[in-house]
Amino acid sequence: MGKNVIDVSDANFEAEVLKSDSPVLVDFTATWCGPCKQLAPVVEKIADENVGKYKVAKVDIDDCPSVTQKYGVRGVPTVMVFKGGEKKAQHVGVTNKETLLKLLEA
């Protein structure tokens, strides 16, 4: 993942995502998931182009069972947007940068 994408785990999800001052795009992914690998560069680009505006995080569903279960992630890639500690938007499957930016701006 890009240098501006934060690896988030069950242990730091609350601190990094729920307590963030800025909107957070969370990419729920898995190492074995082909479509996730397709989405990764899109997520990295958003992170690199919006430093300071949005926070971008990645959650490996195999390493983070509790967060994955809490938010009902059943398929990957799943992207969620959190603002003020609450889930505001979600997209399942591979998508483009414009769609993800719309989720962040909603």
C-alpha atoms as a PDB file:
ATOM      1  CA  MET A   1       0.000   0.000   0.000  1.00  0.00           C
ATOM      2  CA  GLY A   2       1.026   3.597  -0.519  1.00  0.00           C
ATOM      3  CA  LYS A   3       2.859   5.560   2.139  1.00  0.00           C
ATOM      4  CA  ASN A   4      -0.258   7.609   2.925  1.00  0.00           C
ATOM      5  CA  VAL A   5      -2.469   4.573   3.558  1.00  0.00           C
ATOM      6  CA  ILE A   6      -2.595   3.561   7.230  1.00  0.00           C
ATOM      7  CA  ASP A   7      -2.755  -0.098   8.219  1.00  0.00           C
ATOM      8  CA  VAL A   8      -5.570  -0.365  10.745  1.00  0.00           C
ATOM      9  CA  SER A   9      -6.215  -3.310  13.061  1.00  0.00           C
ATOM     10  CA  ASP A  10      -8.799  -4.326  15.646  1.00  0.00           C
ATOM     11  CA  ALA A  11      -6.505  -2.700  18.229  1.00  0.00           C
ATOM     12  CA  ASN A  12      -6.234   0.779  16.687  1.00  0.00           C
ATOM     13  CA  PHE A  13      -9.454   1.042  14.629  1.00  0.00           C
ATOM     14  CA  GLU A  14     -11.172   3.235  17.203  1.00  0.00           C
ATOM     15  CA  ALA A  15      -8.211   5.611  17.568  1.00  0.00           C
ATOM     16  CA  GLU A  16      -7.390   5.863  13.848  1.00  0.00           C
ATOM     17  CA  VAL A  17     -10.891   5.777  12.332  1.00  0.00           C
ATOM     18  CA  LEU A  18     -13.652   6.498  14.842  1.00  0.00           C
ATOM     19  CA  LYS A  19     -11.779   9.297  16.629  1.00  0.00           C
ATOM     20  CA  SER A  20     -10.379  10.884  13.470  1.00  0.00           C
ATOM     21  CA  ASP A  21     -11.048  14.600  12.962  1.00  0.00           C
ATOM     22  CA  SER A  22     -11.199  14.189   9.204  1.00  0.00           C
ATOM     23  CA  PRO A  23     -13.333  11.801   7.117  1.00  0.00           C
ATOM     24  CA  VAL A  24     -11.795   8.338   6.787  1.00  0.00           C
ATOM     25  CA  LEU A  25     -11.971   6.034   3.781  1.00  0.00           C
ATOM     26  CA  VAL A  26     -11.514   2.456   5.006  1.00  0.00           C
ATOM     27  CA  ASP A  27     -10.615  -0.245   2.489  1.00  0.00           C
ATOM     28  CA  PHE A  28     -11.536  -3.705   3.805  1.00  0.00           C
ATOM     29  CA  THR A  29      -9.266  -6.036   1.869  1.00  0.00           C
ATOM     30  CA  ALA A  30      -7.545  -9.431   1.866  1.00  0.00           C
ATOM     31  CA  THR A  31      -4.216 -10.649   0.513  1.00  0.00           C
ATOM     32  CA  TRP A  32      -5.903 -13.485  -1.416  1.00  0.00           C
ATOM     33  CA  CYS A  33      -8.475 -11.226  -3.109  1.00  0.00           C
ATOM     34  CA  GLY A  34      -7.851 -10.422  -6.792  1.00  0.00           C
ATOM     35  CA  PRO A  35     -10.338  -7.522  -7.060  1.00  0.00           C
ATOM     36  CA  CYS A  36      -8.745  -6.009  -3.913  1.00  0.00           C
ATOM     37  CA  LYS A  37      -5.416  -5.831  -5.738  1.00  0.00           C
ATOM     38  CA  GLN A  38      -7.185  -3.974  -8.570  1.00  0.00           C
ATOM     39  CA  LEU A  39      -8.693  -1.468  -6.141  1.00  0.00           C
ATOM     40  CA  ALA A  40      -5.493  -0.854  -4.134  1.00  0.00           C
ATOM     41  CA  PRO A  41      -3.897   1.654  -6.587  1.00  0.00           C
ATOM     42  CA  VAL A  42      -7.162   3.649  -6.677  1.00  0.00           C
ATOM     43  CA  VAL A  43      -7.245   3.828  -2.870  1.00  0.00           C
ATOM     44  CA  GLU A  44      -3.542   4.779  -2.776  1.00  0.00           C
ATOM     45  CA  LYS A  45      -4.114   7.567  -5.289  1.00  0.00           C
ATOM     46  CA  ILE A  46      -6.910   9.045  -3.165  1.00  0.00           C
ATOM     47  CA  ALA A  47      -4.626   8.888  -0.121  1.00  0.00           C
ATOM     48  CA  ASP A  48      -1.723  10.535  -1.952  1.00  0.00           C
ATOM     49  CA  GLU A  49      -3.842  13.297  -3.510  1.00  0.00           C
ATOM     50  CA  ASN A  50      -5.812  14.202  -0.367  1.00  0.00           C
ATOM     51  CA  VAL A  51      -3.209  14.322   2.409  1.00  0.00           C
ATOM     52  CA  GLY A  52      -4.607  16.425   5.232  1.00  0.00           C
ATOM     53  CA  LYS A  53      -8.118  16.435   3.756  1.00  0.00           C
ATOM     54  CA  TYR A  54      -9.050  12.773   4.181  1.00  0.00           C
ATOM     55  CA  LYS A  55      -7.514   9.879   6.039  1.00  0.00           C
ATOM     56  CA  VAL A  56      -7.226   6.592   4.153  1.00  0.00           C
ATOM     57  CA  ALA A  57      -6.932   3.275   5.974  1.00  0.00           C
ATOM     58  CA  LYS A  58      -6.712  -0.383   5.063  1.00  0.00           C
ATOM     59  CA  VAL A  59      -8.105  -3.263   7.098  1.00  0.00           C
ATOM     60  CA  ASP A  60      -7.029  -6.837   6.331  1.00  0.00           C
ATOM     61  CA  ILE A  61     -10.168  -8.843   7.125  1.00  0.00           C
ATOM     62  CA  ASP A  62      -8.170 -11.945   8.024  1.00  0.00           C
ATOM     63  CA  ASP A  63      -6.155 -10.007  10.617  1.00  0.00           C
ATOM     64  CA  CYS A  64      -9.082  -7.976  11.995  1.00  0.00           C
ATOM     65  CA  PRO A  65     -12.021 -10.300  12.677  1.00  0.00           C
ATOM     66  CA  SER A  66     -13.723  -8.093  15.224  1.00  0.00           C
ATOM     67  CA  VAL A  67     -13.898  -4.896  13.120  1.00  0.00           C
ATOM     68  CA  THR A  68     -14.854  -6.953  10.054  1.00  0.00           C
ATOM     69  CA  GLN A  69     -17.709  -8.598  11.947  1.00  0.00           C
ATOM     70  CA  LYS A  70     -18.842  -5.401  13.686  1.00  0.00           C
ATOM     71  CA  TYR A  71     -19.401  -3.640  10.347  1.00  0.00           C
ATOM     72  CA  GLY A  72     -20.852  -6.695   8.597  1.00  0.00           C
ATOM     73  CA  VAL A  73     -18.217  -6.996   5.899  1.00  0.00           C
ATOM     74  CA  ARG A  74     -19.132 -10.099   3.894  1.00  0.00           C
ATOM     75  CA  GLY A  75     -17.294  -9.537   0.630  1.00  0.00           C
ATOM     76  CA  VAL A  76     -14.066  -7.808  -0.289  1.00  0.00           C
ATOM     77  CA  PRO A  77     -13.171  -5.287  -1.394  1.00  0.00           C
ATOM     78  CA  THR A  78     -15.603  -3.265   0.717  1.00  0.00           C
ATOM     79  CA  VAL A  79     -14.943   0.436   1.151  1.00  0.00           C
ATOM     80  CA  MET A  80     -16.580   2.425   3.946  1.00  0.00           C
ATOM     81  CA  VAL A  81     -16.490   6.105   4.799  1.00  0.00           C
ATOM     82  CA  PHE A  82     -16.534   7.166   8.446  1.00  0.00           C
ATOM     83  CA  LYS A  83     -17.202  10.700   9.653  1.00  0.00           C
ATOM     84  CA  GLY A  84     -17.380  11.722  13.287  1.00  0.00           C
ATOM     85  CA  GLY A  85     -17.125   8.116  14.442  1.00  0.00           C
ATOM     86  CA  GLU A  86     -20.035   6.848  12.341  1.00  0.00           C
ATOM     87  CA  LYS A  87     -20.249   4.875   9.122  1.00  0.00           C
ATOM     88  CA  LYS A  88     -21.710   7.229   6.501  1.00  0.00           C
ATOM     89  CA  ALA A  89     -21.277   5.342   3.222  1.00  0.00           C
ATOM     90  CA  GLN A  90     -20.296   1.993   1.781  1.00  0.00           C
ATOM     91  CA  HIS A  91     -19.381   0.480  -1.575  1.00  0.00           C
ATOM     92  CA  VAL A  92     -18.801  -3.218  -2.242  1.00  0.00           C
ATOM     93  CA  GLY A  93     -16.631  -4.311  -5.144  1.00  0.00           C
ATOM     94  CA  VAL A  94     -14.077  -2.710  -7.421  1.00  0.00           C
ATOM     95  CA  THR A  95     -14.852   0.869  -8.384  1.00  0.00           C
ATOM     96  CA  ASN A  96     -13.189   4.024  -9.634  1.00  0.00           C
ATOM     97  CA  LYS A  97     -11.698   7.048  -7.937  1.00  0.00           C
ATOM     98  CA  GLU A  98     -14.657   9.309  -8.750  1.00  0.00           C
ATOM     99  CA  THR A  99     -17.122   6.996  -7.005  1.00  0.00           C
ATOM    100  CA  LEU A 100     -14.969   6.797  -3.883  1.00  0.00           C
ATOM    101  CA  LEU A 101     -14.466  10.561  -3.785  1.00  0.00           C
ATOM    102  CA  LYS A 102     -18.256  11.044  -4.028  1.00  0.00           C
ATOM    103  CA  LEU A 103     -18.650   8.769  -0.982  1.00  0.00           C
ATOM    104  CA  LEU A 104     -16.139  10.906   0.922  1.00  0.00           C
ATOM    105  CA  GLU A 105     -17.830  14.154  -0.069  1.00  0.00           C
ATOM    106  CA  ALA A 106     -21.379  12.983   0.674  1.00  0.00           C
END
